[in-house]
Amino acid sequence: MTQQKKKDGLNIELTEEVAQGAYSNLAIINHSPSEFVIDFIQMMPGVAKAKVKSRVILTPQHAKRLMKALVENINKFENQHGNIKDIEPNGTVPMNFGGPTPLA
């Protein structure tokens, strides 16, 4: 990815492969004193094994900026489209995702 500073902002190149994106319906976040690691995971109904589709590593400062940007954008979305409802009332993620319960 090529980035150049311009008079009117930052020129960001988005490759075709990255532009397609990666679907994720679960994120797991870990952190150390120097970084936040976010694994974006795709869980499929009825499948006991999930796959990490993308990993993003952020400094604590960038993680906080991301959190603020998400809060701002979720508020804008809800103002336009109504409240986003949680899937689970207590905020937990259903580990069976509509399929059989995985066994270890």
N, C-alpha and C. Protein backbone atom coordinates (compact mmCIF):
# COMPACT_ATOMS: atom_id res chain seq x y z
N MET A 1 0.85 -1.18 0.00
CA MET A 1 0.00 0.00 0.00
C MET A 1 0.89 1.24 0.00
N THR A 2 0.62 2.14 -0.88
CA THR A 2 1.40 3.36 -1.00
C THR A 2 0.65 4.50 -0.33
N GLN A 3 1.35 5.23 0.51
CA GLN A 3 0.75 6.39 1.16
C GLN A 3 1.64 7.59 0.89
N GLN A 4 1.01 8.68 0.47
CA GLN A 4 1.74 9.92 0.23
C GLN A 4 0.97 11.05 0.89
N LYS A 5 1.71 11.94 1.53
CA LYS A 5 1.05 13.13 2.07
C LYS A 5 0.84 14.11 0.93
N LYS A 6 -0.34 14.66 0.86
CA LYS A 6 -0.66 15.67 -0.13
C LYS A 6 -1.09 16.93 0.59
N LYS A 7 -1.18 17.99 -0.15
CA LYS A 7 -1.61 19.26 0.41
C LYS A 7 -3.01 19.13 1.02
N ASP A 8 -3.89 18.37 0.36
CA ASP A 8 -5.28 18.28 0.81
C ASP A 8 -5.58 17.01 1.59
N GLY A 9 -4.56 16.27 2.02
CA GLY A 9 -4.83 15.09 2.82
C GLY A 9 -3.90 13.94 2.49
N LEU A 10 -4.32 12.76 2.87
CA LEU A 10 -3.52 11.57 2.70
C LEU A 10 -4.05 10.77 1.52
N ASN A 11 -3.17 10.37 0.63
CA ASN A 11 -3.55 9.55 -0.52
C ASN A 11 -3.39 8.09 -0.11
N ILE A 12 -4.49 7.35 -0.04
CA ILE A 12 -4.47 5.96 0.41
C ILE A 12 -4.86 5.06 -0.74
N GLU A 13 -4.03 4.07 -1.02
CA GLU A 13 -4.32 3.10 -2.07
C GLU A 13 -5.00 1.88 -1.46
N LEU A 14 -6.10 1.47 -2.07
CA LEU A 14 -6.84 0.29 -1.64
C LEU A 14 -6.76 -0.75 -2.75
N THR A 15 -6.03 -1.83 -2.49
CA THR A 15 -5.90 -2.85 -3.52
C THR A 15 -7.22 -3.58 -3.71
N GLU A 16 -7.38 -4.21 -4.86
CA GLU A 16 -8.62 -4.93 -5.17
C GLU A 16 -8.86 -6.06 -4.16
N GLU A 17 -7.79 -6.76 -3.80
CA GLU A 17 -7.92 -7.88 -2.86
C GLU A 17 -8.41 -7.40 -1.49
N VAL A 18 -7.83 -6.32 -0.99
CA VAL A 18 -8.23 -5.79 0.31
C VAL A 18 -9.63 -5.18 0.24
N ALA A 19 -9.97 -4.58 -0.89
CA ALA A 19 -11.28 -3.95 -1.05
C ALA A 19 -12.42 -4.95 -0.93
N GLN A 20 -12.16 -6.21 -1.25
CA GLN A 20 -13.20 -7.23 -1.14
C GLN A 20 -13.58 -7.49 0.31
N GLY A 21 -12.67 -7.23 1.23
CA GLY A 21 -12.95 -7.38 2.65
C GLY A 21 -12.96 -8.84 3.09
N ALA A 22 -13.12 -9.03 4.37
CA ALA A 22 -13.23 -10.36 4.96
C ALA A 22 -14.40 -10.33 5.93
N TYR A 23 -15.35 -11.23 5.76
CA TYR A 23 -16.52 -11.28 6.65
C TYR A 23 -16.11 -11.80 8.02
N SER A 24 -16.60 -11.15 9.06
CA SER A 24 -16.34 -11.57 10.43
C SER A 24 -17.61 -11.41 11.24
N ASN A 25 -17.91 -12.42 12.06
CA ASN A 25 -19.07 -12.30 12.95
C ASN A 25 -18.66 -12.51 14.41
N LEU A 26 -17.36 -12.45 14.67
CA LEU A 26 -16.84 -12.53 16.03
C LEU A 26 -15.46 -11.87 16.05
N ALA A 27 -15.18 -11.14 17.09
CA ALA A 27 -13.84 -10.56 17.28
C ALA A 27 -13.37 -10.90 18.68
N ILE A 28 -12.11 -11.30 18.76
CA ILE A 28 -11.49 -11.57 20.05
C ILE A 28 -10.35 -10.58 20.22
N ILE A 29 -10.32 -9.92 21.36
CA ILE A 29 -9.35 -8.86 21.60
C ILE A 29 -8.44 -9.25 22.77
N ASN A 30 -7.15 -9.17 22.54
CA ASN A 30 -6.14 -9.38 23.59
C ASN A 30 -5.25 -8.15 23.62
N HIS A 31 -4.56 -7.94 24.74
CA HIS A 31 -3.67 -6.78 24.81
C HIS A 31 -2.47 -7.06 25.69
N SER A 32 -1.43 -6.31 25.44
CA SER A 32 -0.23 -6.27 26.26
C SER A 32 -0.02 -4.80 26.62
N PRO A 33 1.01 -4.48 27.38
CA PRO A 33 1.25 -3.07 27.69
C PRO A 33 1.50 -2.20 26.44
N SER A 34 1.93 -2.83 25.33
CA SER A 34 2.31 -2.02 24.16
C SER A 34 1.41 -2.19 22.95
N GLU A 35 0.46 -3.14 22.97
CA GLU A 35 -0.36 -3.34 21.77
C GLU A 35 -1.68 -4.03 22.08
N PHE A 36 -2.64 -3.80 21.19
CA PHE A 36 -3.91 -4.51 21.19
C PHE A 36 -3.92 -5.39 19.95
N VAL A 37 -4.35 -6.64 20.12
CA VAL A 37 -4.45 -7.57 19.00
C VAL A 37 -5.92 -7.94 18.85
N ILE A 38 -6.47 -7.67 17.66
CA ILE A 38 -7.87 -7.99 17.39
C ILE A 38 -7.89 -9.07 16.31
N ASP A 39 -8.42 -10.23 16.66
CA ASP A 39 -8.61 -11.32 15.70
C ASP A 39 -10.06 -11.29 15.25
N PHE A 40 -10.27 -11.14 13.95
CA PHE A 40 -11.60 -11.16 13.36
C PHE A 40 -11.85 -12.58 12.86
N ILE A 41 -12.92 -13.18 13.35
CA ILE A 41 -13.19 -14.61 13.15
C ILE A 41 -14.50 -14.79 12.42
N GLN A 42 -14.54 -15.83 11.60
CA GLN A 42 -15.78 -16.21 10.92
C GLN A 42 -16.25 -17.54 11.49
N MET A 43 -17.41 -17.50 12.15
CA MET A 43 -18.04 -18.72 12.67
C MET A 43 -19.16 -19.11 11.71
N MET A 44 -19.26 -20.38 11.41
CA MET A 44 -20.31 -20.86 10.52
C MET A 44 -21.29 -21.71 11.33
N PRO A 45 -22.59 -21.59 11.03
CA PRO A 45 -23.59 -22.38 11.76
C PRO A 45 -23.31 -23.88 11.65
N GLY A 46 -23.37 -24.56 12.79
CA GLY A 46 -23.22 -26.00 12.81
C GLY A 46 -21.80 -26.50 12.67
N VAL A 47 -20.82 -25.61 12.61
CA VAL A 47 -19.42 -26.01 12.46
C VAL A 47 -18.70 -25.68 13.77
N ALA A 48 -18.06 -26.68 14.36
CA ALA A 48 -17.42 -26.50 15.66
C ALA A 48 -16.11 -25.73 15.58
N LYS A 49 -15.52 -25.62 14.40
CA LYS A 49 -14.24 -24.94 14.24
C LYS A 49 -14.45 -23.60 13.54
N ALA A 50 -13.88 -22.55 14.13
CA ALA A 50 -13.96 -21.22 13.54
C ALA A 50 -12.58 -20.82 13.03
N LYS A 51 -12.56 -19.91 12.06
CA LYS A 51 -11.30 -19.53 11.42
C LYS A 51 -11.05 -18.03 11.59
N VAL A 52 -9.82 -17.69 11.99
CA VAL A 52 -9.42 -16.28 12.03
C VAL A 52 -9.25 -15.82 10.59
N LYS A 53 -10.00 -14.80 10.20
CA LYS A 53 -9.94 -14.29 8.84
C LYS A 53 -8.97 -13.13 8.71
N SER A 54 -8.74 -12.41 9.82
CA SER A 54 -7.85 -11.27 9.77
C SER A 54 -7.39 -10.94 11.19
N ARG A 55 -6.16 -10.47 11.31
CA ARG A 55 -5.63 -10.02 12.61
C ARG A 55 -5.13 -8.60 12.42
N VAL A 56 -5.54 -7.72 13.33
CA VAL A 56 -5.10 -6.32 13.31
C VAL A 56 -4.42 -6.04 14.64
N ILE A 57 -3.22 -5.48 14.56
CA ILE A 57 -2.45 -5.14 15.75
C ILE A 57 -2.35 -3.61 15.82
N LEU A 58 -2.74 -3.06 16.97
CA LEU A 58 -2.81 -1.61 17.15
C LEU A 58 -2.03 -1.18 18.39
N THR A 59 -1.51 0.04 18.36
CA THR A 59 -0.97 0.62 19.58
C THR A 59 -2.16 0.96 20.48
N PRO A 60 -1.95 1.11 21.78
CA PRO A 60 -3.05 1.49 22.66
C PRO A 60 -3.73 2.80 22.23
N GLN A 61 -2.94 3.75 21.73
CA GLN A 61 -3.50 5.03 21.29
C GLN A 61 -4.42 4.83 20.08
N HIS A 62 -3.99 4.01 19.12
CA HIS A 62 -4.83 3.76 17.95
C HIS A 62 -6.06 2.95 18.32
N ALA A 63 -5.93 2.03 19.28
CA ALA A 63 -7.09 1.25 19.73
C ALA A 63 -8.14 2.18 20.33
N LYS A 64 -7.69 3.15 21.11
CA LYS A 64 -8.63 4.10 21.72
C LYS A 64 -9.30 4.97 20.66
N ARG A 65 -8.52 5.40 19.65
CA ARG A 65 -9.11 6.17 18.54
C ARG A 65 -10.14 5.34 17.79
N LEU A 66 -9.83 4.06 17.57
CA LEU A 66 -10.78 3.17 16.90
C LEU A 66 -12.06 3.04 17.71
N MET A 67 -11.93 2.88 19.03
CA MET A 67 -13.11 2.78 19.89
C MET A 67 -13.98 4.04 19.78
N LYS A 68 -13.35 5.19 19.84
CA LYS A 68 -14.10 6.45 19.73
C LYS A 68 -14.78 6.57 18.37
N ALA A 69 -14.09 6.17 17.30
CA ALA A 69 -14.66 6.24 15.96
C ALA A 69 -15.84 5.28 15.82
N LEU A 70 -15.72 4.08 16.40
CA LEU A 70 -16.83 3.12 16.36
C LEU A 70 -18.04 3.65 17.12
N VAL A 71 -17.82 4.20 18.31
CA VAL A 71 -18.93 4.77 19.09
C VAL A 71 -19.62 5.87 18.29
N GLU A 72 -18.84 6.76 17.69
CA GLU A 72 -19.41 7.86 16.91
C GLU A 72 -20.22 7.32 15.72
N ASN A 73 -19.68 6.35 15.02
CA ASN A 73 -20.36 5.81 13.85
C ASN A 73 -21.58 4.97 14.22
N ILE A 74 -21.53 4.24 15.32
CA ILE A 74 -22.70 3.48 15.77
C ILE A 74 -23.81 4.45 16.16
N ASN A 75 -23.46 5.54 16.84
CA ASN A 75 -24.47 6.55 17.18
C ASN A 75 -25.11 7.13 15.94
N LYS A 76 -24.31 7.46 14.93
CA LYS A 76 -24.86 7.99 13.67
C LYS A 76 -25.77 6.97 13.00
N PHE A 77 -25.33 5.70 12.96
CA PHE A 77 -26.13 4.63 12.36
C PHE A 77 -27.47 4.50 13.07
N GLU A 78 -27.43 4.44 14.42
CA GLU A 78 -28.67 4.27 15.18
C GLU A 78 -29.60 5.47 15.05
N ASN A 79 -29.04 6.67 14.90
CA ASN A 79 -29.88 7.84 14.67
C ASN A 79 -30.63 7.74 13.35
N GLN A 80 -30.00 7.12 12.34
CA GLN A 80 -30.63 6.97 11.03
C GLN A 80 -31.54 5.76 10.94
N HIS A 81 -31.13 4.64 11.57
CA HIS A 81 -31.79 3.36 11.33
C HIS A 81 -32.44 2.74 12.57
N GLY A 82 -32.32 3.36 13.71
CA GLY A 82 -32.85 2.79 14.95
C GLY A 82 -31.80 1.98 15.70
N ASN A 83 -32.15 1.60 16.91
CA ASN A 83 -31.20 0.90 17.77
C ASN A 83 -30.79 -0.45 17.20
N ILE A 84 -29.52 -0.76 17.37
CA ILE A 84 -29.00 -2.08 17.01
C ILE A 84 -29.27 -2.97 18.21
N LYS A 85 -29.96 -4.08 17.98
CA LYS A 85 -30.29 -4.99 19.07
C LYS A 85 -29.17 -6.01 19.27
N ASP A 86 -28.84 -6.28 20.53
CA ASP A 86 -27.89 -7.34 20.84
C ASP A 86 -28.52 -8.67 20.52
N ILE A 87 -27.73 -9.61 20.01
CA ILE A 87 -28.22 -10.95 19.71
C ILE A 87 -28.58 -11.67 21.00
N GLU A 88 -27.70 -11.59 21.97
CA GLU A 88 -27.92 -12.23 23.26
C GLU A 88 -28.21 -11.15 24.29
N PRO A 89 -29.21 -11.35 25.14
CA PRO A 89 -29.58 -10.31 26.10
C PRO A 89 -28.46 -9.95 27.08
N ASN A 90 -27.61 -10.90 27.44
CA ASN A 90 -26.54 -10.60 28.40
C ASN A 90 -25.23 -10.25 27.72
N GLY A 91 -25.22 -10.15 26.39
CA GLY A 91 -24.03 -9.74 25.66
C GLY A 91 -23.05 -10.86 25.38
N THR A 92 -23.38 -12.10 25.75
CA THR A 92 -22.47 -13.20 25.49
C THR A 92 -22.66 -13.70 24.07
N VAL A 93 -21.65 -14.37 23.58
CA VAL A 93 -21.70 -14.92 22.22
C VAL A 93 -22.13 -16.37 22.30
N PRO A 94 -23.15 -16.77 21.53
CA PRO A 94 -23.56 -18.17 21.55
C PRO A 94 -22.49 -19.03 20.87
N MET A 95 -21.87 -19.92 21.61
CA MET A 95 -20.78 -20.70 21.04
C MET A 95 -21.27 -21.80 20.11
N ASN A 96 -22.54 -22.18 20.18
CA ASN A 96 -23.01 -23.20 19.23
C ASN A 96 -23.52 -22.58 17.94
N PHE A 97 -23.76 -21.28 17.92
CA PHE A 97 -24.11 -20.52 16.72
C PHE A 97 -25.18 -21.22 15.88
N GLY A 98 -26.16 -21.78 16.56
CA GLY A 98 -27.29 -22.37 15.86
C GLY A 98 -27.09 -23.81 15.45
N GLY A 99 -25.95 -24.38 15.74
CA GLY A 99 -25.68 -25.76 15.38
C GLY A 99 -25.50 -26.61 16.61
N PRO A 100 -24.97 -27.81 16.44
CA PRO A 100 -24.76 -28.67 17.60
C PRO A 100 -23.68 -28.10 18.51
N THR A 101 -23.77 -28.40 19.80
CA THR A 101 -22.77 -27.92 20.74
C THR A 101 -21.45 -28.62 20.48
N PRO A 102 -20.36 -27.83 20.31
CA PRO A 102 -19.06 -28.47 20.05
C PRO A 102 -18.58 -29.26 21.25
N LEU A 103 -17.91 -30.36 21.01
CA LEU A 103 -17.33 -31.18 22.07
C LEU A 103 -15.82 -31.15 21.96
N ALA A 104 -15.14 -31.10 23.09
CA ALA A 104 -13.67 -31.07 23.07
C ALA A 104 -13.11 -32.49 23.11
